[in-house]
Amino acid sequence: MKGLHKFLKVFIFVQLGACTGDVLRQYLHYVNHQEMYITWSAPWYTGIQLTVAFTAFTVALTTLAYFLVGRMLRRREASTSPKGACD
């Protein structure tokens, strides 16, 4: 369980880093090739909005799982610690 807890913590930051990189890539593509986006019916930032929305959803789910696993770990540690022991 501790391994899963650490993995979820790292995975949250990996998702945020990947989202930041993808948004930066899309923005720089727009800056360098604005003429391509003139003919599109949707605004140039629509892909960025979808990327951020998807990332927000997956980060929310991963964060929920992170806290649930942490809660399970605390309960497990509390039940296995000796009664009356002072930390």
C-alpha atoms as a PDB file:
ATOM      1  CA  MET A   1       0.000   0.000   0.000  1.00  0.00           C
ATOM      2  CA  LYS A   2       2.841   2.417   0.731  1.00  0.00           C
ATOM      3  CA  GLY A   3       4.208   1.795  -2.753  1.00  0.00           C
ATOM      4  CA  LEU A   4       0.823   2.605  -4.281  1.00  0.00           C
ATOM      5  CA  HIS A   5       0.594   5.735  -2.160  1.00  0.00           C
ATOM      6  CA  LYS A   6       3.995   6.950  -3.384  1.00  0.00           C
ATOM      7  CA  PHE A   7       3.142   6.029  -6.973  1.00  0.00           C
ATOM      8  CA  LEU A   8      -0.091   8.044  -6.874  1.00  0.00           C
ATOM      9  CA  LYS A   9       1.763  11.063  -5.472  1.00  0.00           C
ATOM     10  CA  VAL A  10       4.335  10.911  -8.273  1.00  0.00           C
ATOM     11  CA  PHE A  11       1.658  10.227 -10.889  1.00  0.00           C
ATOM     12  CA  ILE A  12      -0.203  13.437  -9.961  1.00  0.00           C
ATOM     13  CA  PHE A  13       2.887  15.520 -10.685  1.00  0.00           C
ATOM     14  CA  VAL A  14       3.633  13.564 -13.872  1.00  0.00           C
ATOM     15  CA  GLN A  15       0.138  14.347 -15.134  1.00  0.00           C
ATOM     16  CA  LEU A  16       0.557  18.040 -14.334  1.00  0.00           C
ATOM     17  CA  GLY A  17       3.963  18.138 -16.017  1.00  0.00           C
ATOM     18  CA  ALA A  18       2.664  16.383 -19.119  1.00  0.00           C
ATOM     19  CA  CYS A  19      -0.269  18.788 -19.311  1.00  0.00           C
ATOM     20  CA  THR A  20       2.031  21.797 -18.972  1.00  0.00           C
ATOM     21  CA  GLY A  21       4.305  20.466 -21.700  1.00  0.00           C
ATOM     22  CA  ASP A  22       1.427  19.752 -24.053  1.00  0.00           C
ATOM     23  CA  VAL A  23      -0.148  23.172 -23.506  1.00  0.00           C
ATOM     24  CA  LEU A  24       3.208  24.837 -24.129  1.00  0.00           C
ATOM     25  CA  ARG A  25       3.681  22.771 -27.302  1.00  0.00           C
ATOM     26  CA  GLN A  26       0.239  23.728 -28.613  1.00  0.00           C
ATOM     27  CA  TYR A  27       0.775  27.404 -27.827  1.00  0.00           C
ATOM     28  CA  LEU A  28       4.165  27.504 -29.516  1.00  0.00           C
ATOM     29  CA  HIS A  29       2.706  25.762 -32.573  1.00  0.00           C
ATOM     30  CA  TYR A  30       0.041  28.452 -32.751  1.00  0.00           C
ATOM     31  CA  VAL A  31       2.614  31.235 -32.389  1.00  0.00           C
ATOM     32  CA  ASN A  32       4.797  29.795 -35.152  1.00  0.00           C
ATOM     33  CA  HIS A  33       1.983  28.778 -37.560  1.00  0.00           C
ATOM     34  CA  GLN A  34      -0.864  31.260 -37.087  1.00  0.00           C
ATOM     35  CA  GLU A  35      -1.814  31.071 -40.765  1.00  0.00           C
ATOM     36  CA  MET A  36      -2.912  27.441 -40.304  1.00  0.00           C
ATOM     37  CA  TYR A  37      -5.479  28.377 -37.680  1.00  0.00           C
ATOM     38  CA  ILE A  38      -7.225  31.094 -39.712  1.00  0.00           C
ATOM     39  CA  THR A  39      -9.360  28.582 -41.618  1.00  0.00           C
ATOM     40  CA  TRP A  40     -10.439  26.570 -38.571  1.00  0.00           C
ATOM     41  CA  SER A  41     -13.970  27.034 -37.297  1.00  0.00           C
ATOM     42  CA  ALA A  42     -12.954  26.486 -33.654  1.00  0.00           C
ATOM     43  CA  PRO A  43     -10.609  28.850 -31.804  1.00  0.00           C
ATOM     44  CA  TRP A  44      -6.952  27.871 -31.685  1.00  0.00           C
ATOM     45  CA  TYR A  45      -7.075  27.267 -27.932  1.00  0.00           C
ATOM     46  CA  THR A  46      -9.821  24.627 -28.043  1.00  0.00           C
ATOM     47  CA  GLY A  47      -7.237  21.823 -27.860  1.00  0.00           C
ATOM     48  CA  ILE A  48      -5.665  23.464 -24.833  1.00  0.00           C
ATOM     49  CA  GLN A  49      -9.039  23.669 -23.086  1.00  0.00           C
ATOM     50  CA  LEU A  50      -9.687  19.981 -23.730  1.00  0.00           C
ATOM     51  CA  THR A  51      -6.220  19.026 -22.484  1.00  0.00           C
ATOM     52  CA  VAL A  52      -6.647  21.026 -19.288  1.00  0.00           C
ATOM     53  CA  ALA A  53     -10.157  19.661 -18.674  1.00  0.00           C
ATOM     54  CA  PHE A  54      -9.007  16.056 -19.143  1.00  0.00           C
ATOM     55  CA  THR A  55      -5.992  16.622 -16.905  1.00  0.00           C
ATOM     56  CA  ALA A  56      -8.114  18.265 -14.207  1.00  0.00           C
ATOM     57  CA  PHE A  57     -10.452  15.266 -14.244  1.00  0.00           C
ATOM     58  CA  THR A  58      -7.661  12.688 -14.041  1.00  0.00           C
ATOM     59  CA  VAL A  59      -5.785  14.646 -11.351  1.00  0.00           C
ATOM     60  CA  ALA A  60      -8.991  14.876  -9.307  1.00  0.00           C
ATOM     61  CA  LEU A  61      -9.507  11.108  -9.539  1.00  0.00           C
ATOM     62  CA  THR A  62      -5.868  10.391  -8.740  1.00  0.00           C
ATOM     63  CA  THR A  63      -5.952  12.790  -5.781  1.00  0.00           C
ATOM     64  CA  LEU A  64      -9.082  11.092  -4.463  1.00  0.00           C
ATOM     65  CA  ALA A  65      -7.379   7.703  -4.751  1.00  0.00           C
ATOM     66  CA  TYR A  66      -4.264   9.136  -3.052  1.00  0.00           C
ATOM     67  CA  PHE A  67      -6.252  10.326  -0.044  1.00  0.00           C
ATOM     68  CA  LEU A  68      -8.256   7.105   0.189  1.00  0.00           C
ATOM     69  CA  VAL A  69      -5.101   4.985   0.163  1.00  0.00           C
ATOM     70  CA  GLY A  70      -3.536   7.298   2.758  1.00  0.00           C
ATOM     71  CA  ARG A  71      -6.573   6.921   4.961  1.00  0.00           C
ATOM     72  CA  MET A  72      -6.410   3.141   4.654  1.00  0.00           C
ATOM     73  CA  LEU A  73      -2.711   3.226   5.572  1.00  0.00           C
ATOM     74  CA  ARG A  74      -3.356   5.339   8.680  1.00  0.00           C
ATOM     75  CA  ARG A  75      -6.134   2.996   9.800  1.00  0.00           C
ATOM     76  CA  ARG A  76      -3.946  -0.041   9.233  1.00  0.00           C
ATOM     77  CA  GLU A  77      -1.065   1.503  11.195  1.00  0.00           C
ATOM     78  CA  ALA A  78      -3.404   2.478  14.031  1.00  0.00           C
ATOM     79  CA  SER A  79      -4.812  -1.033  14.286  1.00  0.00           C
ATOM     80  CA  THR A  80      -1.370  -2.718  14.305  1.00  0.00           C
ATOM     81  CA  SER A  81       0.285  -0.386  16.812  1.00  0.00           C
ATOM     82  CA  PRO A  82       0.409  -1.706  20.386  1.00  0.00           C
ATOM     83  CA  LYS A  83      -2.230  -0.352  22.719  1.00  0.00           C
ATOM     84  CA  GLY A  84      -1.018   2.251  25.176  1.00  0.00           C
ATOM     85  CA  ALA A  85       2.292   2.791  23.399  1.00  0.00           C
ATOM     86  CA  CYS A  86       3.562   6.352  23.388  1.00  0.00           C
ATOM     87  CA  ASP A  87       5.186   7.700  20.253  1.00  0.00           C
END
